[in-house]
PDB file of N, CA and C in Angstrom:
ATOM      1  N   MET A   1     133.726  91.832  87.829  1.00  0.00           N
ATOM      2  CA  MET A   1     133.405  90.879  87.154  1.00  0.00           C
ATOM      3  C   MET A   1     132.805  89.896  88.820  1.00  0.00           C
ATOM      4  N   ILE A   2     131.398  88.992  88.583  1.00  0.00           N
ATOM      5  CA  ILE A   2     130.890  88.693  89.627  1.00  0.00           C
ATOM      6  C   ILE A   2     131.787  87.415  90.290  1.00  0.00           C
ATOM      7  N   ARG A   3     131.760  87.217  91.455  1.00  0.00           N
ATOM      8  CA  ARG A   3     132.375  86.148  92.363  1.00  0.00           C
ATOM      9  C   ARG A   3     131.720  84.986  92.661  1.00  0.00           C
ATOM     10  N   SER A   4     131.753  83.963  91.909  1.00  0.00           N
ATOM     11  CA  SER A   4     130.850  82.912  92.308  1.00  0.00           C
ATOM     12  C   SER A   4     130.463  81.975  93.618  1.00  0.00           C
ATOM     13  N   LYS A   5     131.649  82.134  93.898  1.00  0.00           N
ATOM     14  CA  LYS A   5     131.925  81.782  95.307  1.00  0.00           C
ATOM     15  C   LYS A   5     131.416  82.383  96.544  1.00  0.00           C
ATOM     16  N   ALA A   6     131.652  83.760  96.437  1.00  0.00           N
ATOM     17  CA  ALA A   6     131.345  84.858  97.010  1.00  0.00           C
ATOM     18  C   ALA A   6     129.374  84.651  97.380  1.00  0.00           C
ATOM     19  N   LEU A   7     128.821  84.381  96.234  1.00  0.00           N
ATOM     20  CA  LEU A   7     127.468  84.244  96.413  1.00  0.00           C
ATOM     21  C   LEU A   7     127.336  83.075  96.586  1.00  0.00           C
ATOM     22  N   ALA A   8     127.808  81.920  96.447  1.00  0.00           N
ATOM     23  CA  ALA A   8     127.513  80.871  96.739  1.00  0.00           C
ATOM     24  C   ALA A   8     127.684  80.551  98.591  1.00  0.00           C
ATOM     25  N   ALA A   9     128.908  81.032  98.857  1.00  0.00           N
ATOM     26  CA  ALA A   9     129.072  81.311 100.433  1.00  0.00           C
ATOM     27  C   ALA A   9     128.131  82.162 101.079  1.00  0.00           C
ATOM     28  N   GLY A  10     127.743  83.359 100.791  1.00  0.00           N
ATOM     29  CA  GLY A  10     126.651  84.129 101.129  1.00  0.00           C
ATOM     30  C   GLY A  10     125.113  83.702 101.289  1.00  0.00           C
ATOM     31  N   SER A  11     124.736  82.753 100.427  1.00  0.00           N
ATOM     32  CA  SER A  11     123.719  81.878 100.019  1.00  0.00           C
ATOM     33  C   SER A  11     123.627  80.769 100.660  1.00  0.00           C
ATOM     34  N   ALA A  12     124.970  79.974 101.094  1.00  0.00           N
ATOM     35  CA  ALA A  12     124.881  79.123 102.332  1.00  0.00           C
ATOM     36  C   ALA A  12     124.927  79.316 103.415  1.00  0.00           C
ATOM     37  N   ALA A  13     125.548  80.644 103.796  1.00  0.00           N
ATOM     38  CA  ALA A  13     125.257  80.948 105.270  1.00  0.00           C
ATOM     39  C   ALA A  13     123.852  81.448 105.800  1.00  0.00           C
ATOM     40  N   ILE A  14     123.223  82.012 104.710  1.00  0.00           N
ATOM     41  CA  ILE A  14     121.569  82.173 104.995  1.00  0.00           C
ATOM     42  C   ILE A  14     121.061  81.145 105.381  1.00  0.00           C
ATOM     43  N   LEU A  15     121.407  79.919 104.310  1.00  0.00           N
ATOM     44  CA  LEU A  15     121.070  78.704 104.674  1.00  0.00           C
ATOM     45  C   LEU A  15     120.879  77.926 105.900  1.00  0.00           C
ATOM     46  N   ALA A  16     122.243  77.862 106.259  1.00  0.00           N
ATOM     47  CA  ALA A  16     122.515  77.322 107.483  1.00  0.00           C
ATOM     48  C   ALA A  16     122.151  78.249 108.536  1.00  0.00           C
ATOM     49  N   LEU A  17     122.600  79.259 108.524  1.00  0.00           N
ATOM     50  CA  LEU A  17     121.864  80.122 109.667  1.00  0.00           C
ATOM     51  C   LEU A  17     120.321  80.512 109.821  1.00  0.00           C
ATOM     52  N   GLY A  18     119.741  80.132 108.947  1.00  0.00           N
ATOM     53  CA  GLY A  18     118.263  80.221 108.804  1.00  0.00           C
ATOM     54  C   GLY A  18     117.484  79.076 109.715  1.00  0.00           C
ATOM     55  N   PHE A  19     118.320  77.809 109.224  1.00  0.00           N
ATOM     56  CA  PHE A  19     117.739  76.200 109.632  1.00  0.00           C
ATOM     57  C   PHE A  19     118.204  76.471 110.835  1.00  0.00           C
ATOM     58  N   ILE A  20     119.394  76.718 111.048  1.00  0.00           N
ATOM     59  CA  ILE A  20     119.584  76.752 112.898  1.00  0.00           C
ATOM     60  C   ILE A  20     118.598  77.661 113.488  1.00  0.00           C
ATOM     61  N   ALA A  21     118.343  79.090 113.046  1.00  0.00           N
ATOM     62  CA  ALA A  21     117.377  79.956 113.646  1.00  0.00           C
ATOM     63  C   ALA A  21     116.049  79.152 113.918  1.00  0.00           C
ATOM     64  N   GLN A  22     115.297  78.526 112.685  1.00  0.00           N
ATOM     65  CA  GLN A  22     114.025  77.987 113.184  1.00  0.00           C
ATOM     66  C   GLN A  22     114.069  76.763 114.130  1.00  0.00           C
ATOM     67  N   LEU A  23     115.120  76.266 113.931  1.00  0.00           N
ATOM     68  CA  LEU A  23     115.146  75.054 114.875  1.00  0.00           C
ATOM     69  C   LEU A  23     115.227  75.581 116.396  1.00  0.00           C
ATOM     70  N   THR A  24     115.984  76.422 116.707  1.00  0.00           N
ATOM     71  CA  THR A  24     116.049  77.311 117.840  1.00  0.00           C
ATOM     72  C   THR A  24     114.575  77.817 118.215  1.00  0.00           C
ATOM     73  N   PHE A  25     113.788  78.221 117.494  1.00  0.00           N
ATOM     74  CA  PHE A  25     112.828  79.317 117.433  1.00  0.00           C
ATOM     75  C   PHE A  25     111.668  77.973 117.755  1.00  0.00           C
ATOM     76  N   ILE A  26     111.555  77.137 117.196  1.00  0.00           N
ATOM     77  CA  ILE A  26     110.729  75.935 117.430  1.00  0.00           C
ATOM     78  C   ILE A  26     111.161  75.343 119.061  1.00  0.00           C
ATOM     79  N   PHE A  27     112.098  75.272 119.822  1.00  0.00           N
ATOM     80  CA  PHE A  27     112.402  74.662 121.161  1.00  0.00           C
ATOM     81  C   PHE A  27     111.657  75.963 121.657  1.00  0.00           C
ATOM     82  N   VAL A  28     111.833  77.579 121.224  1.00  0.00           N
ATOM     83  CA  VAL A  28     111.836  78.161 122.477  1.00  0.00           C
ATOM     84  C   VAL A  28     109.971  78.231 122.153  1.00  0.00           C
ATOM     85  N   VAL A  29     109.470  77.979 121.227  1.00  0.00           N
ATOM     86  CA  VAL A  29     108.159  78.177 121.099  1.00  0.00           C
ATOM     87  C   VAL A  29     107.395  77.345 122.151  1.00  0.00           C
ATOM     88  N   VAL A  30     107.868  75.891 121.913  1.00  0.00           N
ATOM     89  CA  VAL A  30     107.597  74.798 122.811  1.00  0.00           C
ATOM     90  C   VAL A  30     107.213  75.429 124.039  1.00  0.00           C
ATOM     91  N   GLY A  31     108.656  75.839 124.528  1.00  0.00           N
ATOM     92  CA  GLY A  31     108.841  76.064 125.997  1.00  0.00           C
ATOM     93  C   GLY A  31     107.922  77.246 126.357  1.00  0.00           C
ATOM     94  N   TYR A  32     108.012  78.045 125.566  1.00  0.00           N
ATOM     95  CA  TYR A  32     106.982  79.656 125.624  1.00  0.00           C
ATOM     96  C   TYR A  32     105.483  79.209 125.799  1.00  0.00           C
ATOM     97  N   ASN A  33     104.964  78.370 125.038  1.00  0.00           N
ATOM     98  CA  ASN A  33     103.891  77.550 125.174  1.00  0.00           C
ATOM     99  C   ASN A  33     103.439  76.756 126.672  1.00  0.00           C
ATOM    100  N   GLN A  34     104.399  76.221 126.682  1.00  0.00           N
ATOM    101  CA  GLN A  34     104.555  75.312 128.382  1.00  0.00           C
ATOM    102  C   GLN A  34     104.240  76.091 129.454  1.00  0.00           C
ATOM    103  N   ALA A  35     105.054  76.978 129.292  1.00  0.00           N
ATOM    104  CA  ALA A  35     104.685  78.307 130.775  1.00  0.00           C
ATOM    105  C   ALA A  35     103.582  78.673 130.266  1.00  0.00           C
ATOM    106  N   ALA A  36     103.164  79.285 128.943  1.00  0.00           N
ATOM    107  CA  ALA A  36     101.858  79.906 128.641  1.00  0.00           C
ATOM    108  C   ALA A  36     100.891  79.197 129.513  1.00  0.00           C
ATOM    109  N   ASP A  37     100.983  78.165 129.723  1.00  0.00           N
ATOM    110  CA  ASP A  37      99.863  76.934 130.073  1.00  0.00           C
ATOM    111  C   ASP A  37      99.677  77.341 131.880  1.00  0.00           C
ATOM    112  N   HIS A  38     100.999  77.470 132.335  1.00  0.00           N
ATOM    113  CA  HIS A  38     101.174  77.524 133.777  1.00  0.00           C
ATOM    114  C   HIS A  38     100.774  78.979 134.006  1.00  0.00           C
ATOM    115  N   TRP A  39     101.264  79.971 132.971  1.00  0.00           N
ATOM    116  CA  TRP A  39     101.328  81.587 133.880  1.00  0.00           C
ATOM    117  C   TRP A  39     100.317  81.815 132.277  1.00  0.00           C
ATOM    118  N   PRO A  40      98.876  82.420 132.398  1.00  0.00           N
ATOM    119  CA  PRO A  40      98.344  82.591 131.594  1.00  0.00           C
ATOM    120  C   PRO A  40      98.273  84.460 130.998  1.00  0.00           C
ATOM    121  N   GLN A  41      98.889  85.207 132.058  1.00  0.00           N
ATOM    122  CA  GLN A  41      99.330  86.388 132.094  1.00  0.00           C
ATOM    123  C   GLN A  41     100.297  86.587 130.750  1.00  0.00           C
ATOM    124  N   LEU A  42     101.053  85.686 130.384  1.00  0.00           N
ATOM    125  CA  LEU A  42     102.198  85.233 129.350  1.00  0.00           C
ATOM    126  C   LEU A  42     101.566  85.064 128.073  1.00  0.00           C
ATOM    127  N   THR A  43     100.299  84.802 128.018  1.00  0.00           N
ATOM    128  CA  THR A  43      99.783  84.834 126.537  1.00  0.00           C
ATOM    129  C   THR A  43      99.739  85.853 125.389  1.00  0.00           C
ATOM    130  N   PRO A  44      99.295  87.235 126.014  1.00  0.00           N
ATOM    131  CA  PRO A  44      99.269  88.646 125.205  1.00  0.00           C
ATOM    132  C   PRO A  44     100.658  88.451 124.629  1.00  0.00           C
ATOM    133  N   TRP A  45     102.068  88.188 125.165  1.00  0.00           N
ATOM    134  CA  TRP A  45     103.095  88.806 124.963  1.00  0.00           C
ATOM    135  C   TRP A  45     103.491  87.604 123.754  1.00  0.00           C
ATOM    136  N   GLY A  46     102.296  86.707 123.428  1.00  0.00           N
ATOM    137  CA  GLY A  46     103.158  85.506 122.734  1.00  0.00           C
ATOM    138  C   GLY A  46     103.827  86.199 120.924  1.00  0.00           C
ATOM    139  N   LYS A  47     102.602  86.624 120.471  1.00  0.00           N
ATOM    140  CA  LYS A  47     102.921  87.247 119.120  1.00  0.00           C
ATOM    141  C   LYS A  47     103.937  88.392 118.899  1.00  0.00           C
ATOM    142  N   PRO A  48     103.454  89.147 119.864  1.00  0.00           N
ATOM    143  CA  PRO A  48     104.720  90.504 119.529  1.00  0.00           C
ATOM    144  C   PRO A  48     106.247  90.268 120.055  1.00  0.00           C
ATOM    145  N   LEU A  49     106.412  89.301 120.715  1.00  0.00           N
ATOM    146  CA  LEU A  49     107.602  88.621 120.961  1.00  0.00           C
ATOM    147  C   LEU A  49     108.402  87.908 119.726  1.00  0.00           C
ATOM    148  N   ALA A  50     107.402  87.425 119.332  1.00  0.00           N
ATOM    149  CA  ALA A  50     107.644  86.401 118.327  1.00  0.00           C
ATOM    150  C   ALA A  50     108.115  87.104 117.110  1.00  0.00           C
ATOM    151  N   TYR A  51     107.513  88.358 116.914  1.00  0.00           N
ATOM    152  CA  TYR A  51     107.768  89.354 115.824  1.00  0.00           C
ATOM    153  C   TYR A  51     109.501  89.874 115.703  1.00  0.00           C
ATOM    154  N   ALA A  52     109.205  90.142 116.897  1.00  0.00           N
ATOM    155  CA  ALA A  52     110.212  91.102 117.609  1.00  0.00           C
ATOM    156  C   ALA A  52     111.680  90.432 117.216  1.00  0.00           C
ATOM    157  N   SER A  53     111.237  89.303 118.020  1.00  0.00           N
ATOM    158  CA  SER A  53     112.379  88.351 118.119  1.00  0.00           C
ATOM    159  C   SER A  53     112.941  87.942 116.755  1.00  0.00           C
ATOM    160  N   GLY A  54     111.943  87.572 115.921  1.00  0.00           N
ATOM    161  CA  GLY A  54     111.894  87.059 114.388  1.00  0.00           C
ATOM    162  C   GLY A  54     112.685  88.285 113.629  1.00  0.00           C
ATOM    163  N   SER A  55     112.305  89.175 113.380  1.00  0.00           N
ATOM    164  CA  SER A  55     113.265  90.438 113.033  1.00  0.00           C
ATOM    165  C   SER A  55     114.269  90.621 113.510  1.00  0.00           C
ATOM    166  N   LEU A  56     114.422  90.562 114.737  1.00  0.00           N
ATOM    167  CA  LEU A  56     115.904  90.682 114.849  1.00  0.00           C
ATOM    168  C   LEU A  56     116.925  89.536 114.549  1.00  0.00           C
ATOM    169  N   VAL A  57     116.415  88.233 114.620  1.00  0.00           N
ATOM    170  CA  VAL A  57     116.944  87.096 113.845  1.00  0.00           C
ATOM    171  C   VAL A  57     117.565  87.597 112.454  1.00  0.00           C
ATOM    172  N   TYR A  58     116.330  87.753 111.853  1.00  0.00           N
ATOM    173  CA  TYR A  58     116.613  87.890 110.620  1.00  0.00           C
ATOM    174  C   TYR A  58     117.564  88.999 110.018  1.00  0.00           C
ATOM    175  N   PHE A  59     117.932  89.892 110.600  1.00  0.00           N
ATOM    176  CA  PHE A  59     118.320  91.341 110.308  1.00  0.00           C
ATOM    177  C   PHE A  59     120.172  90.292 110.558  1.00  0.00           C
ATOM    178  N   CYS A  60     120.233  90.135 111.806  1.00  0.00           N
ATOM    179  CA  CYS A  60     121.526  89.694 112.119  1.00  0.00           C
ATOM    180  C   CYS A  60     122.092  88.597 111.410  1.00  0.00           C
ATOM    181  N   ILE A  61     121.247  88.004 110.603  1.00  0.00           N
ATOM    182  CA  ILE A  61     120.983  86.165 109.482  1.00  0.00           C
ATOM    183  C   ILE A  61     122.093  86.992 108.426  1.00  0.00           C
ATOM    184  N   MET A  62     120.998  87.973 107.937  1.00  0.00           N
ATOM    185  CA  MET A  62     121.130  88.500 106.462  1.00  0.00           C
ATOM    186  C   MET A  62     122.603  89.468 106.786  1.00  0.00           C
ATOM    187  N   ALA A  63     122.695  90.246 107.805  1.00  0.00           N
ATOM    188  CA  ALA A  63     123.824  90.938 107.792  1.00  0.00           C
ATOM    189  C   ALA A  63     125.264  90.210 108.057  1.00  0.00           C
ATOM    190  N   ALA A  64     124.863  89.010 108.723  1.00  0.00           N
ATOM    191  CA  ALA A  64     126.098  87.978 108.377  1.00  0.00           C
ATOM    192  C   ALA A  64     126.429  87.381 107.280  1.00  0.00           C
ATOM    193  N   ALA A  65     125.402  87.260 106.599  1.00  0.00           N
ATOM    194  CA  ALA A  65     125.569  86.576 104.879  1.00  0.00           C
ATOM    195  C   ALA A  65     126.198  87.733 104.426  1.00  0.00           C
ATOM    196  N   GLY A  66     125.719  88.981 104.388  1.00  0.00           N
ATOM    197  CA  GLY A  66     126.656  90.260 103.526  1.00  0.00           C
ATOM    198  C   GLY A  66     128.060  90.462 103.976  1.00  0.00           C
ATOM    199  N   TYR A  67     128.135  90.047 105.404  1.00  0.00           N
ATOM    200  CA  TYR A  67     129.849  90.220 106.021  1.00  0.00           C
ATOM    201  C   TYR A  67     130.523  88.932 105.010  1.00  0.00           C
ATOM    202  N   ILE A  68     129.999  87.742 105.164  1.00  0.00           N
ATOM    203  CA  ILE A  68     130.850  86.691 104.162  1.00  0.00           C
ATOM    204  C   ILE A  68     130.846  86.739 102.976  1.00  0.00           C
ATOM    205  N   THR A  69     129.779  87.318 102.475  1.00  0.00           N
ATOM    206  CA  THR A  69     129.935  87.753 101.181  1.00  0.00           C
ATOM    207  C   THR A  69     130.914  89.122 100.203  1.00  0.00           C
ATOM    208  N   ALA A  70     130.523  89.720 101.653  1.00  0.00           N
ATOM    209  CA  ALA A  70     132.008  90.743 101.074  1.00  0.00           C
ATOM    210  C   ALA A  70     133.455  90.490 101.419  1.00  0.00           C
ATOM    211  N   HIS A  71     133.287  89.543 102.492  1.00  0.00           N
ATOM    212  CA  HIS A  71     134.817  89.172 102.542  1.00  0.00           C
ATOM    213  C   HIS A  71     135.194  88.231 101.558  1.00  0.00           C
ATOM    214  N   LEU A  72     134.493  87.513 100.786  1.00  0.00           N
ATOM    215  CA  LEU A  72     134.832  86.795  99.601  1.00  0.00           C
ATOM    216  C   LEU A  72     135.032  87.349  98.228  1.00  0.00           C
ATOM    217  N   ALA A  73     134.530  88.655  98.307  1.00  0.00           N
ATOM    218  CA  ALA A  73     133.851  89.148  96.861  1.00  0.00           C
ATOM    219  C   ALA A  73     134.834  90.171  96.722  1.00  0.00           C
ATOM    220  N   ARG A  74     135.278  90.935  97.725  1.00  0.00           N
ATOM    221  CA  ARG A  74     136.622  92.050  97.453  1.00  0.00           C
ATOM    222  C   ARG A  74     136.356  93.024  96.645  1.00  0.00           C
ATOM    223  N   ARG A  75     135.614  92.833  95.184  1.00  0.00           N
ATOM    224  CA  ARG A  75     135.466  94.314  94.622  1.00  0.00           C
ATOM    225  C   ARG A  75     134.118  93.922  93.979  1.00  0.00           C
ATOM    226  N   ARG A  76     133.334  94.792  93.903  1.00  0.00           N
ATOM    227  CA  ARG A  76     131.727  95.348  93.676  1.00  0.00           C
ATOM    228  C   ARG A  76     131.013  94.797  94.805  1.00  0.00           C
ATOM    229  N   ILE A  77     131.745  94.883  95.966  1.00  0.00           N
ATOM    230  CA  ILE A  77     131.381  94.449  97.358  1.00  0.00           C
ATOM    231  C   ILE A  77     129.337  94.269  97.424  1.00  0.00           C
ATOM    232  N   MET A  78     129.180  95.745  97.243  1.00  0.00           N
ATOM    233  CA  MET A  78     127.465  95.892  97.637  1.00  0.00           C
ATOM    234  C   MET A  78     127.097  95.241  96.199  1.00  0.00           C
ATOM    235  N   LEU A  79     127.252  95.190  95.328  1.00  0.00           N
ATOM    236  CA  LEU A  79     126.771  94.191  94.422  1.00  0.00           C
ATOM    237  C   LEU A  79     126.441  93.279  94.674  1.00  0.00           C
ATOM    238  N   HIS A  80     127.346  92.507  94.719  1.00  0.00           N
ATOM    239  CA  HIS A  80     127.424  91.029  95.157  1.00  0.00           C
ATOM    240  C   HIS A  80     126.637  90.969  96.332  1.00  0.00           C
ATOM    241  N   ALA A  81     126.543  91.680  97.469  1.00  0.00           N
ATOM    242  CA  ALA A  81     125.431  91.452  98.280  1.00  0.00           C
ATOM    243  C   ALA A  81     124.059  91.789  97.844  1.00  0.00           C
ATOM    244  N   ALA A  82     123.931  92.685  97.395  1.00  0.00           N
ATOM    245  CA  ALA A  82     122.754  92.815  96.758  1.00  0.00           C
ATOM    246  C   ALA A  82     121.848  91.550  96.209  1.00  0.00           C
ATOM    247  N   ILE A  83     122.816  90.674  95.298  1.00  0.00           N
ATOM    248  CA  ILE A  83     122.593  89.752  94.282  1.00  0.00           C
ATOM    249  C   ILE A  83     122.050  88.634  95.648  1.00  0.00           C
ATOM    250  N   VAL A  84     123.243  88.553  96.430  1.00  0.00           N
ATOM    251  CA  VAL A  84     122.729  87.313  97.583  1.00  0.00           C
ATOM    252  C   VAL A  84     121.206  87.420  98.140  1.00  0.00           C
ATOM    253  N   GLY A  85     121.218  89.150  98.583  1.00  0.00           N
ATOM    254  CA  GLY A  85     119.967  89.390  99.428  1.00  0.00           C
ATOM    255  C   GLY A  85     118.803  88.883  98.486  1.00  0.00           C
ATOM    256  N   SER A  86     118.825  89.543  97.302  1.00  0.00           N
ATOM    257  CA  SER A  86     117.774  89.282  96.392  1.00  0.00           C
ATOM    258  C   SER A  86     117.515  87.716  95.786  1.00  0.00           C
ATOM    259  N   LEU A  87     118.588  86.968  95.741  1.00  0.00           N
ATOM    260  CA  LEU A  87     118.433  85.889  95.269  1.00  0.00           C
ATOM    261  C   LEU A  87     117.962  84.930  96.349  1.00  0.00           C
ATOM    262  N   VAL A  88     118.016  85.052  97.758  1.00  0.00           N
ATOM    263  CA  VAL A  88     117.837  84.168  98.930  1.00  0.00           C
ATOM    264  C   VAL A  88     116.216  84.357  99.200  1.00  0.00           C
ATOM    265  N   THR A  89     116.256  85.816  99.348  1.00  0.00           N
ATOM    266  CA  THR A  89     114.851  86.354  99.568  1.00  0.00           C
ATOM    267  C   THR A  89     113.895  85.855  98.729  1.00  0.00           C
ATOM    268  N   GLY A  90     114.331  86.100  97.346  1.00  0.00           N
ATOM    269  CA  GLY A  90     113.433  85.937  96.311  1.00  0.00           C
ATOM    270  C   GLY A  90     112.966  84.328  96.397  1.00  0.00           C
ATOM    271  N   ILE A  91     114.062  83.409  96.387  1.00  0.00           N
ATOM    272  CA  ILE A  91     113.405  81.976  96.393  1.00  0.00           C
ATOM    273  C   ILE A  91     112.676  81.749  97.802  1.00  0.00           C
ATOM    274  N   SER A  92     112.608  82.214  98.935  1.00  0.00           N
ATOM    275  CA  SER A  92     111.617  82.112 100.084  1.00  0.00           C
ATOM    276  C   SER A  92     110.640  82.660  99.558  1.00  0.00           C
ATOM    277  N   LEU A  93     110.638  83.765  98.880  1.00  0.00           N
ATOM    278  CA  LEU A  93     109.083  84.745  99.163  1.00  0.00           C
ATOM    279  C   LEU A  93     108.314  83.699  98.133  1.00  0.00           C
ATOM    280  N   LEU A  94     109.104  83.134  96.707  1.00  0.00           N
ATOM    281  CA  LEU A  94     108.247  82.642  95.481  1.00  0.00           C
ATOM    282  C   LEU A  94     107.913  81.372  96.684  1.00  0.00           C
ATOM    283  N   SER A  95     108.478  80.657  97.167  1.00  0.00           N
ATOM    284  CA  SER A  95     108.381  79.170  98.170  1.00  0.00           C
ATOM    285  C   SER A  95     106.865  79.362  98.742  1.00  0.00           C
ATOM    286  N   SER A  96     107.028  80.963  99.595  1.00  0.00           N
ATOM    287  CA  SER A  96     106.090  80.729 100.578  1.00  0.00           C
ATOM    288  C   SER A  96     104.496  81.832 100.339  1.00  0.00           C
ATOM    289  N   MET A  97     104.654  82.452  98.821  1.00  0.00           N
ATOM    290  CA  MET A  97     103.498  83.004  98.746  1.00  0.00           C
ATOM    291  C   MET A  97     102.712  82.198  98.482  1.00  0.00           C
ATOM    292  N   SER A  98     101.144  82.861  99.172  1.00  0.00           N
ATOM    293  CA  SER A  98      99.508  82.104  99.149  1.00  0.00           C
ATOM    294  C   SER A  98      99.098  82.473  97.673  1.00  0.00           C
ATOM    295  N   GLY A  99      98.866  81.413  97.078  1.00  0.00           N
ATOM    296  CA  GLY A  99      97.857  81.989  96.054  1.00  0.00           C
ATOM    297  C   GLY A  99      98.372  82.544  94.894  1.00  0.00           C
ATOM    298  N   GLY A 100      99.991  82.747  94.720  1.00  0.00           N
ATOM    299  CA  GLY A 100     100.796  83.705  94.065  1.00  0.00           C
ATOM    300  C   GLY A 100     100.689  85.205  94.256  1.00  0.00           C
ATOM    301  N   LYS A 101      99.697  85.369  95.377  1.00  0.00           N
ATOM    302  CA  LYS A 101      99.868  87.091  95.381  1.00  0.00           C
ATOM    303  C   LYS A 101     101.191  87.726  96.260  1.00  0.00           C
ATOM    304  N   LEU A 102     101.740  88.800  96.038  1.00  0.00           N
ATOM    305  CA  LEU A 102     102.537  89.465  96.449  1.00  0.00           C
ATOM    306  C   LEU A 102     101.437  90.666  97.223  1.00  0.00           C
ATOM    307  N   THR A 103     102.059  90.541  98.654  1.00  0.00           N
ATOM    308  CA  THR A 103     101.129  91.405  99.357  1.00  0.00           C
ATOM    309  C   THR A 103     102.504  92.400  99.841  1.00  0.00           C
ATOM    310  N   PRO A 104     102.166  93.584 100.510  1.00  0.00           N
ATOM    311  CA  PRO A 104     102.989  94.422 100.890  1.00  0.00           C
ATOM    312  C   PRO A 104     103.843  93.879 102.227  1.00  0.00           C
ATOM    313  N   MET A 105     103.244  93.193 102.717  1.00  0.00           N
ATOM    314  CA  MET A 105     104.457  92.686 103.879  1.00  0.00           C
ATOM    315  C   MET A 105     105.503  91.614 103.294  1.00  0.00           C
ATOM    316  N   SER A 106     105.023  90.655 102.562  1.00  0.00           N
ATOM    317  CA  SER A 106     106.281  90.120 101.419  1.00  0.00           C
ATOM    318  C   SER A 106     107.050  91.037 100.766  1.00  0.00           C
ATOM    319  N   LEU A 107     106.508  92.002 100.156  1.00  0.00           N
ATOM    320  CA  LEU A 107     107.642  93.169  99.631  1.00  0.00           C
ATOM    321  C   LEU A 107     108.206  93.669 100.423  1.00  0.00           C
ATOM    322  N   GLY A 108     108.227  94.068 101.597  1.00  0.00           N
ATOM    323  CA  GLY A 108     108.831  94.403 102.744  1.00  0.00           C
ATOM    324  C   GLY A 108     109.983  93.476 103.246  1.00  0.00           C
ATOM    325  N   PHE A 109     109.683  92.139 103.408  1.00  0.00           N
ATOM    326  CA  PHE A 109     110.638  90.937 103.465  1.00  0.00           C
ATOM    327  C   PHE A 109     111.436  90.726 102.554  1.00  0.00           C
ATOM    328  N   PHE A 110     111.234  91.022 101.293  1.00  0.00           N
ATOM    329  CA  PHE A 110     112.039  90.998 100.201  1.00  0.00           C
ATOM    330  C   PHE A 110     113.231  92.112 100.282  1.00  0.00           C
ATOM    331  N   LEU A 111     112.655  93.354 100.491  1.00  0.00           N
ATOM    332  CA  LEU A 111     113.530  94.655 100.289  1.00  0.00           C
ATOM    333  C   LEU A 111     114.316  94.501 101.885  1.00  0.00           C
ATOM    334  N   ALA A 112     113.766  94.437 102.996  1.00  0.00           N
ATOM    335  CA  ALA A 112     114.496  94.158 103.803  1.00  0.00           C
ATOM    336  C   ALA A 112     115.886  93.163 103.985  1.00  0.00           C
ATOM    337  N   GLY A 113     115.308  92.201 103.587  1.00  0.00           N
ATOM    338  CA  GLY A 113     116.694  91.123 102.722  1.00  0.00           C
ATOM    339  C   GLY A 113     117.569  91.556 102.197  1.00  0.00           C
ATOM    340  N   ILE A 114     116.942  92.556 101.215  1.00  0.00           N
ATOM    341  CA  ILE A 114     118.271  93.020 100.603  1.00  0.00           C
ATOM    342  C   ILE A 114     119.296  94.340 101.354  1.00  0.00           C
ATOM    343  N   VAL A 115     118.435  95.037 102.029  1.00  0.00           N
ATOM    344  CA  VAL A 115     119.251  96.177 103.087  1.00  0.00           C
ATOM    345  C   VAL A 115     119.903  95.337 103.570  1.00  0.00           C
ATOM    346  N   PHE A 116     119.282  94.274 104.614  1.00  0.00           N
ATOM    347  CA  PHE A 116     120.115  94.187 105.688  1.00  0.00           C
ATOM    348  C   PHE A 116     121.539  93.363 105.233  1.00  0.00           C
ATOM    349  N   THR A 117     121.377  92.431 104.120  1.00  0.00           N
ATOM    350  CA  THR A 117     122.306  91.656 103.529  1.00  0.00           C
ATOM    351  C   THR A 117     123.381  93.036 103.330  1.00  0.00           C
ATOM    352  N   MET A 118     123.129  93.960 102.753  1.00  0.00           N
ATOM    353  CA  MET A 118     124.228  94.943 102.269  1.00  0.00           C
ATOM    354  C   MET A 118     124.338  95.949 103.562  1.00  0.00           C
ATOM    355  N   THR A 119     124.018  95.894 104.401  1.00  0.00           N
ATOM    356  CA  THR A 119     124.343  96.707 105.675  1.00  0.00           C
ATOM    357  C   THR A 119     125.418  95.593 106.314  1.00  0.00           C
ATOM    358  N   GLY A 120     125.516  94.369 106.036  1.00  0.00           N
ATOM    359  CA  GLY A 120     126.562  93.360 106.623  1.00  0.00           C
ATOM    360  C   GLY A 120     127.762  93.543 105.917  1.00  0.00           C
ATOM    361  N   ALA A 121     127.680  93.838 104.245  1.00  0.00           N
ATOM    362  CA  ALA A 121     128.734  93.998 103.464  1.00  0.00           C
ATOM    363  C   ALA A 121     129.077  95.679 103.692  1.00  0.00           C
ATOM    364  N   LEU A 122     128.442  96.326 104.295  1.00  0.00           N
ATOM    365  CA  LEU A 122     128.910  97.327 104.511  1.00  0.00           C
ATOM    366  C   LEU A 122     129.802  97.810 105.742  1.00  0.00           C
ATOM    367  N   ALA A 123     129.321  97.096 106.594  1.00  0.00           N
ATOM    368  CA  ALA A 123     130.227  96.591 107.968  1.00  0.00           C
ATOM    369  C   ALA A 123     131.698  95.954 107.907  1.00  0.00           C
ATOM    370  N   TRP A 124     131.390  95.289 106.881  1.00  0.00           N
ATOM    371  CA  TRP A 124     132.503  94.669 106.438  1.00  0.00           C
ATOM    372  C   TRP A 124     133.830  95.465 105.661  1.00  0.00           C
ATOM    373  N   GLN A 125     133.069  96.305 104.751  1.00  0.00           N
ATOM    374  CA  GLN A 125     133.701  97.270 103.939  1.00  0.00           C
ATOM    375  C   GLN A 125     134.373  98.220 105.124  1.00  0.00           C
ATOM    376  N   ARG A 126     133.552  98.909 106.069  1.00  0.00           N
ATOM    377  CA  ARG A 126     134.294  99.634 107.257  1.00  0.00           C
ATOM    378  C   ARG A 126     135.099  99.204 108.031  1.00  0.00           C
ATOM    379  N   ARG A 127     134.903  97.597 108.488  1.00  0.00           N
ATOM    380  CA  ARG A 127     136.192  96.865 109.270  1.00  0.00           C
ATOM    381  C   ARG A 127     137.118  97.116 108.318  1.00  0.00           C
ATOM    382  N   SER A 128     137.292  96.835 107.220  1.00  0.00           N
ATOM    383  CA  SER A 128     138.514  96.039 106.690  1.00  0.00           C
ATOM    384  C   SER A 128     139.586  97.229 105.957  1.00  0.00           C
ATOM    385  N   ARG A 129     138.908  98.987 106.259  1.00  0.00           N
ATOM    386  CA  ARG A 129     139.810  99.643 106.127  1.00  0.00           C
ATOM    387  C   ARG A 129     140.655 100.469 107.108  1.00  0.00           C
TER     388      ARG A 129
END
C-alpha cells in the first residue's frame, strides 16, 4: 500500500529545501559577481563552480527527501522513494522544458533525481537495521 503521507512529506521536503537552496544560491552568486568585479581571475571559475555545487546540493536535497520518505513509508520504501523522485523531478522538468523538447541533459536530471532519492531511502534502510 502506498502511504500518501510519505509521498507528501518527501515532496514537501524537496520543495522546501529546494527553495532554501535557490535563495542561498542567489546570495552566493551576487557575492561572487561582486568579487569577480574586483578580481577578474575568478571569472573562469564561475560556471564550473556553479555546476559542481548545484549538483552536490541537488544530490543532498533529493537524498534528504528520500530519507524522510523512507522514514514515513516503512514498507515498500524504494517504491515510495522512486515515486517521490519521479513525481517532483517530472513536474520540475515539465515546467522548465524549453519548446517542449526533451534533451539528454534534462533526461539525466530526471534520472538523477530518482537515483538520488532512492539513495536517501537506502541510507535510511541501512541506518534503521
